[in-house]
C-alpha atoms as a PDB file:
ATOM      1  CA  MET A   1     150.707 126.866 167.810  1.00  0.00           C
ATOM      2  CA  THR A   2     152.598 127.289 171.058  1.00  0.00           C
ATOM      3  CA  GLU A   3     151.001 126.945 174.481  1.00  0.00           C
ATOM      4  CA  GLN A   4     151.713 130.627 175.104  1.00  0.00           C
ATOM      5  CA  GLU A   5     149.870 131.657 171.933  1.00  0.00           C
ATOM      6  CA  ALA A   6     146.974 129.344 172.806  1.00  0.00           C
ATOM      7  CA  ARG A   7     146.707 130.943 176.243  1.00  0.00           C
ATOM      8  CA  GLN A   8     146.746 134.429 174.708  1.00  0.00           C
ATOM      9  CA  ILE A   9     143.974 133.521 172.275  1.00  0.00           C
ATOM     10  CA  LEU A  10     141.781 132.158 175.069  1.00  0.00           C
ATOM     11  CA  GLY A  11     142.761 134.889 177.518  1.00  0.00           C
ATOM     12  CA  ILE A  12     143.859 132.523 180.268  1.00  0.00           C
ATOM     13  CA  SER A  13     146.896 132.215 182.516  1.00  0.00           C
ATOM     14  CA  GLU A  14     149.301 129.348 183.105  1.00  0.00           C
ATOM     15  CA  ARG A  15     147.481 128.650 186.366  1.00  0.00           C
ATOM     16  CA  SER A  16     144.077 128.168 184.745  1.00  0.00           C
ATOM     17  CA  THR A  17     142.383 124.853 185.354  1.00  0.00           C
ATOM     18  CA  TRP A  18     141.122 122.667 182.540  1.00  0.00           C
ATOM     19  CA  GLU A  19     137.547 123.557 183.561  1.00  0.00           C
ATOM     20  CA  GLU A  20     138.331 127.283 183.183  1.00  0.00           C
ATOM     21  CA  ILE A  21     139.839 126.639 179.762  1.00  0.00           C
ATOM     22  CA  VAL A  22     136.779 124.725 178.577  1.00  0.00           C
ATOM     23  CA  LYS A  23     134.426 127.419 179.893  1.00  0.00           C
ATOM     24  CA  LYS A  24     136.381 130.165 178.124  1.00  0.00           C
ATOM     25  CA  TYR A  25     136.536 128.064 174.942  1.00  0.00           C
ATOM     26  CA  ASP A  26     132.778 127.447 174.956  1.00  0.00           C
ATOM     27  CA  THR A  27     132.051 131.148 175.416  1.00  0.00           C
ATOM     28  CA  MET A  28     134.411 132.301 172.677  1.00  0.00           C
ATOM     29  CA  PHE A  29     133.406 129.530 170.263  1.00  0.00           C
ATOM     30  CA  GLU A  30     129.692 130.299 170.640  1.00  0.00           C
ATOM     31  CA  LYS A  31     130.231 134.046 170.188  1.00  0.00           C
ATOM     32  CA  ASN A  32     131.679 133.334 166.756  1.00  0.00           C
ATOM     33  CA  ALA A  33     129.238 130.571 165.764  1.00  0.00           C
ATOM     34  CA  LYS A  34     126.377 132.691 164.431  1.00  0.00           C
ATOM     35  CA  ASN A  35     127.335 135.505 162.078  1.00  0.00           C
ATOM     36  CA  GLY A  36     130.770 135.606 163.683  1.00  0.00           C
ATOM     37  CA  SER A  37     134.210 135.007 162.328  1.00  0.00           C
ATOM     38  CA  PHE A  38     135.030 131.506 161.118  1.00  0.00           C
ATOM     39  CA  TYR A  39     138.717 132.465 161.295  1.00  0.00           C
ATOM     40  CA  LEU A  40     138.470 133.425 164.980  1.00  0.00           C
ATOM     41  CA  GLN A  41     136.385 130.363 165.719  1.00  0.00           C
ATOM     42  CA  SER A  42     139.106 128.219 164.125  1.00  0.00           C
ATOM     43  CA  LYS A  43     141.844 129.920 166.156  1.00  0.00           C
ATOM     44  CA  VAL A  44     139.880 129.338 169.369  1.00  0.00           C
ATOM     45  CA  HIS A  45     139.399 125.674 168.468  1.00  0.00           C
ATOM     46  CA  ARG A  46     143.102 125.183 167.652  1.00  0.00           C
ATOM     47  CA  ALA A  47     144.069 126.892 170.914  1.00  0.00           C
ATOM     48  CA  LYS A  48     141.912 124.448 172.876  1.00  0.00           C
ATOM     49  CA  GLU A  49     143.419 121.507 170.981  1.00  0.00           C
ATOM     50  CA  CYS A  50     146.927 122.729 171.777  1.00  0.00           C
ATOM     51  CA  LEU A  51     146.201 123.082 175.478  1.00  0.00           C
ATOM     52  CA  GLU A  52     144.304 119.810 175.551  1.00  0.00           C
ATOM     53  CA  ALA A  53     147.463 118.017 174.428  1.00  0.00           C
ATOM     54  CA  ALA A  54     149.490 119.809 177.105  1.00  0.00           C
ATOM     55  CA  TYR A  55     147.017 119.043 179.894  1.00  0.00           C
ATOM     56  CA  GLN A  56     146.753 115.373 178.959  1.00  0.00           C
ATOM     57  CA  LYS A  57     150.499 114.651 178.998  1.00  0.00           C
ATOM     58  CA  PRO A  58     151.233 111.792 181.380  1.00  0.00           C
ATOM     59  CA  ASP A  59     153.020 112.783 184.559  1.00  0.00           C
ATOM     60  CA  VAL A  60     156.393 111.000 184.547  1.00  0.00           C
ATOM     61  CA  THR A  61     157.995 112.611 187.587  1.00  0.00           C
ATOM     62  CA  ASN A  62     158.757 109.402 189.501  1.00  0.00           C
END
């Protein structure tokens, strides 16, 4: 999954903070937890994993 697709799934922008991503993830994940869609819940989880990897990259700009 690309970062762009992950952002589309979660409905966030490139400027979103990690806290905003987690909040959106929690909301969307919970909405699909009870009698929701396991497929959508999986997509939301994978989107968070994708962005988590991107946000945790070490900064090597020096």
